C-alpha atoms as a PDB file:
ATOM      1  CA  GLU A   1       4.866  -4.370  -5.391  1.00  0.00           C
ATOM      2  CA  TYR A   2       6.648  -5.773  -1.814  1.00  0.00           C
ATOM      3  CA  GLU A   3      10.408  -5.272  -1.350  1.00  0.00           C
ATOM      4  CA  GLN A   4      11.438  -8.614   0.495  1.00  0.00           C
ATOM      5  CA  VAL A   5      13.999  -8.591   3.484  1.00  0.00           C
ATOM      6  CA  VAL A   6      16.523 -10.424   1.844  1.00  0.00           C
ATOM      7  CA  ASN A   7      17.543  -7.663  -0.236  1.00  0.00           C
ATOM      8  CA  LEU A   8      18.004  -5.574   2.310  1.00  0.00           C
ATOM      9  CA  ILE A   9      19.947  -7.515   4.779  1.00  0.00           C
ATOM     10  CA  ASN A  10      23.310  -6.796   6.294  1.00  0.00           C
ATOM     11  CA  ARG A  11      25.611 -10.251   5.420  1.00  0.00           C
ATOM     12  CA  ASN A  12      28.697  -9.268   7.370  1.00  0.00           C
ATOM     13  CA  LYS A  13      27.149  -7.822  11.369  1.00  0.00           C
ATOM     14  CA  ILE A  14      26.337 -11.044  12.394  1.00  0.00           C
ATOM     15  CA  ASN A  15      28.145 -12.127  15.264  1.00  0.00           C
ATOM     16  CA  TYR A  16      28.717 -15.472  16.214  1.00  0.00           C
ATOM     17  CA  ILE A  17      29.838 -17.423  19.399  1.00  0.00           C
ATOM     18  CA  SER A  18      29.995 -20.463  20.940  1.00  0.00           C
ATOM     19  CA  TYR A  19      27.450 -22.052  23.240  1.00  0.00           C
ATOM     20  CA  ASN A  20      29.717 -22.969  25.923  1.00  0.00           C
ATOM     21  CA  MET A  21      31.469 -19.294  25.499  1.00  0.00           C
ATOM     22  CA  PRO A  22      31.935 -17.825  29.119  1.00  0.00           C
ATOM     23  CA  THR A  23      29.382 -14.989  29.635  1.00  0.00           C
ATOM     24  CA  LYS A  24      31.825 -12.251  30.464  1.00  0.00           C
ATOM     25  CA  GLU A  25      34.254 -12.633  27.304  1.00  0.00           C
ATOM     26  CA  ALA A  26      30.512 -12.531  25.589  1.00  0.00           C
ATOM     27  CA  ILE A  27      29.482  -9.156  26.876  1.00  0.00           C
ATOM     28  CA  MET A  28      33.379  -7.941  25.749  1.00  0.00           C
ATOM     29  CA  LEU A  29      32.209  -8.558  22.141  1.00  0.00           C
ATOM     30  CA  LEU A  30      29.115  -6.713  22.745  1.00  0.00           C
ATOM     31  CA  GLU A  31      30.929  -4.135  24.117  1.00  0.00           C
ATOM     32  CA  ASN A  32      32.401  -3.429  20.676  1.00  0.00           C
ATOM     33  CA  ASP A  33      29.631  -4.532  18.562  1.00  0.00           C
ATOM     34  CA  LEU A  34      27.721  -1.794  17.045  1.00  0.00           C
ATOM     35  CA  ASP A  35      25.332  -3.899  16.311  1.00  0.00           C
ATOM     36  CA  ASP A  36      24.690  -5.119  19.673  1.00  0.00           C
ATOM     37  CA  ALA A  37      22.984  -8.504  18.706  1.00  0.00           C
ATOM     38  CA  LEU A  38      25.531 -11.774  19.597  1.00  0.00           C
ATOM     39  CA  ILE A  39      23.990 -15.385  17.633  1.00  0.00           C
ATOM     40  CA  ILE A  40      24.840 -18.274  20.128  1.00  0.00           C
ATOM     41  CA  LEU A  41      26.006 -21.474  17.955  1.00  0.00           C
ATOM     42  CA  LYS A  42      26.207 -24.898  19.106  1.00  0.00           C
ATOM     43  CA  ASP A  43      27.143 -27.973  16.569  1.00  0.00           C
ATOM     44  CA  GLN A  44      27.251 -25.347  13.719  1.00  0.00           C
ATOM     45  CA  LYS A  45      23.891 -24.208  14.525  1.00  0.00           C
ATOM     46  CA  ALA A  46      22.115 -21.016  15.831  1.00  0.00           C
ATOM     47  CA  VAL A  47      19.659 -21.890  18.487  1.00  0.00           C
ATOM     48  CA  GLY A  48      19.596 -18.693  20.717  1.00  0.00           C
ATOM     49  CA  ILE A  49      20.503 -14.499  21.059  1.00  0.00           C
ATOM     50  CA  VAL A  50      22.129 -12.319  23.279  1.00  0.00           C
ATOM     51  CA  THR A  51      21.586  -8.713  23.034  1.00  0.00           C
ATOM     52  CA  ALA A  52      22.316  -5.818  24.997  1.00  0.00           C
ATOM     53  CA  ARG A  53      19.251  -5.181  26.527  1.00  0.00           C
ATOM     54  CA  ASP A  54      19.934  -8.731  28.197  1.00  0.00           C
ATOM     55  CA  VAL A  55      22.930  -8.059  29.130  1.00  0.00           C
ATOM     56  CA  LEU A  56      21.693  -5.034  31.409  1.00  0.00           C
ATOM     57  CA  LYS A  57      19.318  -7.726  32.783  1.00  0.00           C
ATOM     58  CA  PHE A  58      22.596  -9.573  33.916  1.00  0.00           C
ATOM     59  CA  PHE A  59      23.498  -6.706  35.976  1.00  0.00           C
ATOM     60  CA  ALA A  60      20.289  -5.304  37.408  1.00  0.00           C
ATOM     61  CA  ASN A  61      19.636  -9.558  38.539  1.00  0.00           C
ATOM     62  CA  ASN A  62      23.173  -9.477  39.527  1.00  0.00           C
ATOM     63  CA  LEU A  63      23.478 -12.814  37.929  1.00  0.00           C
ATOM     64  CA  SER A  64      27.247 -14.887  37.429  1.00  0.00           C
ATOM     65  CA  LEU A  65      29.155 -13.509  34.727  1.00  0.00           C
ATOM     66  CA  ASP A  66      31.136 -17.001  35.394  1.00  0.00           C
ATOM     67  CA  VAL A  67      28.834 -19.176  33.684  1.00  0.00           C
ATOM     68  CA  PRO A  68      28.198 -19.883  29.870  1.00  0.00           C
ATOM     69  CA  ILE A  69      26.402 -17.603  27.687  1.00  0.00           C
ATOM     70  CA  SER A  70      24.130 -20.364  26.765  1.00  0.00           C
ATOM     71  CA  ASN A  71      22.534 -20.003  30.025  1.00  0.00           C
ATOM     72  CA  TYR A  72      21.281 -16.340  29.360  1.00  0.00           C
ATOM     73  CA  MET A  73      20.843 -16.958  25.886  1.00  0.00           C
ATOM     74  CA  SER A  74      16.865 -16.370  23.958  1.00  0.00           C
ATOM     75  CA  SER A  75      16.179 -19.698  22.951  1.00  0.00           C
ATOM     76  CA  PRO A  76      15.231 -21.023  20.388  1.00  0.00           C
ATOM     77  CA  LEU A  77      16.098 -18.334  17.922  1.00  0.00           C
ATOM     78  CA  GLN A  78      13.409 -16.446  16.448  1.00  0.00           C
ATOM     79  CA  THR A  79      13.903 -16.235  12.366  1.00  0.00           C
ATOM     80  CA  LEU A  80      12.311 -14.628   9.812  1.00  0.00           C
ATOM     81  CA  ARG A  81      12.531 -16.586   5.971  1.00  0.00           C
ATOM     82  CA  GLU A  82      13.810 -14.674   3.378  1.00  0.00           C
ATOM     83  CA  ASN A  83      11.096 -14.012   1.097  1.00  0.00           C
ATOM     84  CA  THR A  84       9.213 -12.201   4.117  1.00  0.00           C
ATOM     85  CA  THR A  85       8.308  -8.489   2.989  1.00  0.00           C
ATOM     86  CA  VAL A  86       9.319  -5.547   4.988  1.00  0.00           C
ATOM     87  CA  LYS A  87       5.506  -5.024   6.286  1.00  0.00           C
ATOM     88  CA  GLU A  88       5.822  -8.465   7.821  1.00  0.00           C
ATOM     89  CA  ALA A  89       8.815  -7.925   9.246  1.00  0.00           C
ATOM     90  CA  LEU A  90       7.892  -4.607  10.917  1.00  0.00           C
ATOM     91  CA  ASP A  91       4.968  -6.575  12.018  1.00  0.00           C
ATOM     92  CA  PHE A  92       6.914  -9.286  13.233  1.00  0.00           C
ATOM     93  CA  ILE A  93       9.114  -6.683  15.177  1.00  0.00           C
ATOM     94  CA  THR A  94       6.244  -4.798  16.759  1.00  0.00           C
ATOM     95  CA  LYS A  95       4.458  -7.966  17.610  1.00  0.00           C
ATOM     96  CA  LYS A  96       7.468  -9.126  19.517  1.00  0.00           C
ATOM     97  CA  HIS A  97       9.080  -6.009  20.691  1.00  0.00           C
ATOM     98  CA  PHE A  98      12.153  -6.746  18.965  1.00  0.00           C
ATOM     99  CA  LYS A  99      14.743  -4.727  18.032  1.00  0.00           C
ATOM    100  CA  ARG A 100      16.138  -6.627  15.010  1.00  0.00           C
ATOM    101  CA  VAL A 101      15.120  -8.795  12.451  1.00  0.00           C
ATOM    102  CA  ILE A 102      16.958 -12.590  11.862  1.00  0.00           C
ATOM    103  CA  ILE A 103      16.691 -13.629   8.524  1.00  0.00           C
ATOM    104  CA  ALA A 104      17.133 -17.498   7.560  1.00  0.00           C
ATOM    105  CA  ASN A 105      17.293 -19.537   4.535  1.00  0.00           C
ATOM    106  CA  ARG A 106      15.093 -22.402   3.645  1.00  0.00           C
ATOM    107  CA  ASP A 107      17.502 -24.735   5.675  1.00  0.00           C
ATOM    108  CA  GLY A 108      16.905 -22.593   8.493  1.00  0.00           C
ATOM    109  CA  ASP A 109      20.528 -21.320   8.211  1.00  0.00           C
ATOM    110  CA  ILE A 110      21.194 -17.727   9.105  1.00  0.00           C
ATOM    111  CA  ILE A 111      21.761 -15.423   6.134  1.00  0.00           C
ATOM    112  CA  GLY A 112      21.517 -11.741   7.617  1.00  0.00           C
ATOM    113  CA  LEU A 113      19.749  -9.529  10.294  1.00  0.00           C
ATOM    114  CA  ILE A 114      18.218  -6.104   9.533  1.00  0.00           C
ATOM    115  CA  SER A 115      17.038  -3.905  12.554  1.00  0.00           C
ATOM    116  CA  GLN A 116      14.402  -1.658  13.492  1.00  0.00           C
ATOM    117  CA  SER A 117      15.469   1.163  12.498  1.00  0.00           C
ATOM    118  CA  GLU A 118      17.029   0.060   9.274  1.00  0.00           C
ATOM    119  CA  LEU A 119      13.228  -0.920   8.310  1.00  0.00           C
ATOM    120  CA  THR A 120      11.728   2.194   9.196  1.00  0.00           C
ATOM    121  CA  ARG A 121      14.037   4.291   7.308  1.00  0.00           C
ATOM    122  CA  LEU A 122      13.738   2.415   4.406  1.00  0.00           C
ATOM    123  CA  LEU A 123       9.907   3.047   4.874  1.00  0.00           C
ATOM    124  CA  TYR A 124      10.575   6.429   5.285  1.00  0.00           C
ATOM    125  CA  ASN A 125      12.456   6.829   2.605  1.00  0.00           C
ATOM    126  CA  LYS A 126       9.764   5.462   0.474  1.00  0.00           C
ATOM    127  CA  TRP A 127       7.092   7.111   2.150  1.00  0.00           C
ATOM    128  CA  MET A 128       9.321  10.387   1.058  1.00  0.00           C
ATOM    129  CA  ASP A 129       9.079   8.976  -2.786  1.00  0.00           C
ATOM    130  CA  LEU A 130       5.488   8.417  -2.845  1.00  0.00           C
ATOM    131  CA  THR A 131       4.877  12.117  -2.038  1.00  0.00           C
ATOM    132  CA  ARG A 132       7.629  13.663  -4.112  1.00  0.00           C
ATOM    133  CA  LYS A 133       5.817  11.410  -6.986  1.00  0.00           C
ATOM    134  CA  SER A 134       2.255  12.251  -5.673  1.00  0.00           C
ATOM    135  CA  SER A 135       3.078  16.049  -5.876  1.00  0.00           C
ATOM    136  CA  ASP A 136       4.577  15.410  -9.453  1.00  0.00           C
ATOM    137  CA  ILE A 137       1.661  14.385 -10.803  1.00  0.00           C
ATOM    138  CA  ALA A 138      -0.531  17.072  -8.911  1.00  0.00           C
ATOM    139  CA  LYS A 139       1.745  19.736 -10.856  1.00  0.00           C
ATOM    140  CA  LYS A 140       1.124  17.638 -14.260  1.00  0.00           C
ATOM    141  CA  ALA A 141      -2.690  17.551 -13.279  1.00  0.00           C
ATOM    142  CA  ILE A 142      -2.516  21.561 -12.978  1.00  0.00           C
ATOM    143  CA  GLU A 143      -0.980  21.512 -16.048  1.00  0.00           C
ATOM    144  CA  PHE A 144      -3.184  18.996 -18.292  1.00  0.00           C
ATOM    145  CA  GLU A 145      -6.118  20.771 -16.880  1.00  0.00           C
ATOM    146  CA  LYS A 146      -4.659  24.031 -18.199  1.00  0.00           C
ATOM    147  CA  ILE A 147      -3.776  22.423 -21.756  1.00  0.00           C
ATOM    148  CA  ALA A 148      -7.671  21.243 -21.621  1.00  0.00           C
ATOM    149  CA  MET A 149      -9.609  24.494 -21.290  1.00  0.00           C
ATOM    150  CA  MET A 150      -7.318  26.679 -23.770  1.00  0.00           C
ATOM    151  CA  ASP A 151      -7.793  26.656 -27.657  1.00  0.00           C
ATOM    152  CA  PRO A 152      -4.066  25.377 -28.960  1.00  0.00           C
ATOM    153  CA  LEU A 153      -4.951  27.138 -32.169  1.00  0.00           C
ATOM    154  CA  THR A 154      -6.302  30.424 -30.913  1.00  0.00           C
ATOM    155  CA  GLN A 155      -5.638  30.568 -27.606  1.00  0.00           C
ATOM    156  CA  ALA A 156      -8.795  31.370 -26.365  1.00  0.00           C
ATOM    157  CA  TYR A 157     -10.903  29.416 -23.557  1.00  0.00           C
ATOM    158  CA  ASN A 158     -13.372  27.296 -24.827  1.00  0.00           C
ATOM    159  CA  ARG A 159     -16.549  25.717 -22.884  1.00  0.00           C
ATOM    160  CA  ALA A 160     -14.468  23.454 -20.126  1.00  0.00           C
ATOM    161  CA  LYS A 161     -12.803  26.976 -18.353  1.00  0.00           C
ATOM    162  CA  PHE A 162     -16.073  28.685 -18.906  1.00  0.00           C
ATOM    163  CA  GLU A 163     -18.303  26.075 -16.932  1.00  0.00           C
ATOM    164  CA  LYS A 164     -15.054  26.028 -14.582  1.00  0.00           C
ATOM    165  CA  VAL A 165     -15.658  29.833 -13.967  1.00  0.00           C
ATOM    166  CA  ILE A 166     -19.565  29.303 -13.742  1.00  0.00           C
ATOM    167  CA  GLU A 167     -19.395  26.776 -11.373  1.00  0.00           C
ATOM    168  CA  ALA A 168     -16.745  29.139  -8.464  1.00  0.00           C
ATOM    169  CA  GLU A 169     -19.103  32.180  -9.531  1.00  0.00           C
ATOM    170  CA  GLU A 170     -21.999  29.754  -7.999  1.00  0.00           C
ATOM    171  CA  GLU A 171     -20.262  28.624  -5.140  1.00  0.00           C
ATOM    172  CA  ARG A 172     -18.974  32.456  -4.364  1.00  0.00           C
ATOM    173  CA  ILE A 173     -22.949  33.650  -4.515  1.00  0.00           C
ATOM    174  CA  SER A 174     -23.607  30.665  -2.750  1.00  0.00           C
ATOM    175  CA  ARG A 175     -20.794  31.661  -0.063  1.00  0.00           C
ATOM    176  CA  TYR A 176     -21.762  34.922   0.481  1.00  0.00           C
ATOM    177  CA  LYS A 177     -25.608  35.015  -0.177  1.00  0.00           C
ATOM    178  CA  ILE A 178     -26.136  37.438  -2.696  1.00  0.00           C
ATOM    179  CA  SER A 179     -27.918  37.244  -5.851  1.00  0.00           C
ATOM    180  CA  TYR A 180     -25.801  38.226  -8.908  1.00  0.00           C
ATOM    181  CA  TYR A 181     -22.708  37.641 -10.717  1.00  0.00           C
ATOM    182  CA  SER A 182     -19.547  39.776 -10.345  1.00  0.00           C
END
């Protein structure tokens, strides 16, 4: 089963600003924001985004900071629906070279965002869980193999064990090119 991003998003770390806010004020908000993204609203609708990366471009290109932030926002705002899977979100981030994914509901209203590092951390944790489970399964398989090769009543090896020993001996004979059993 694939996990959906709606279960992972942080609904509290979205920073909304007005379409008309001066760029200088928006940059000051970003300075204090750990997530480094501002969603631009016009008439209560999200219309764009400005990130810390965008701010670096402002300074690199010596752009005016006295104009509204809407002059520099990335628009239209690219979002994913709430039923998007983690894999789809990672594919989207990779394809678009984004640092975060904005999640919207069916009506197009933003309900949260999740960063690339959060998605990657989630996948890494899932991978570690699968690795642990795989290791546990391998250990149980070895235990079951031991149980299957010994008669529970007499504790003597059964035919399956002898066949395994013969197979190992034949492999040894073949590998070392000798003509006898040890």
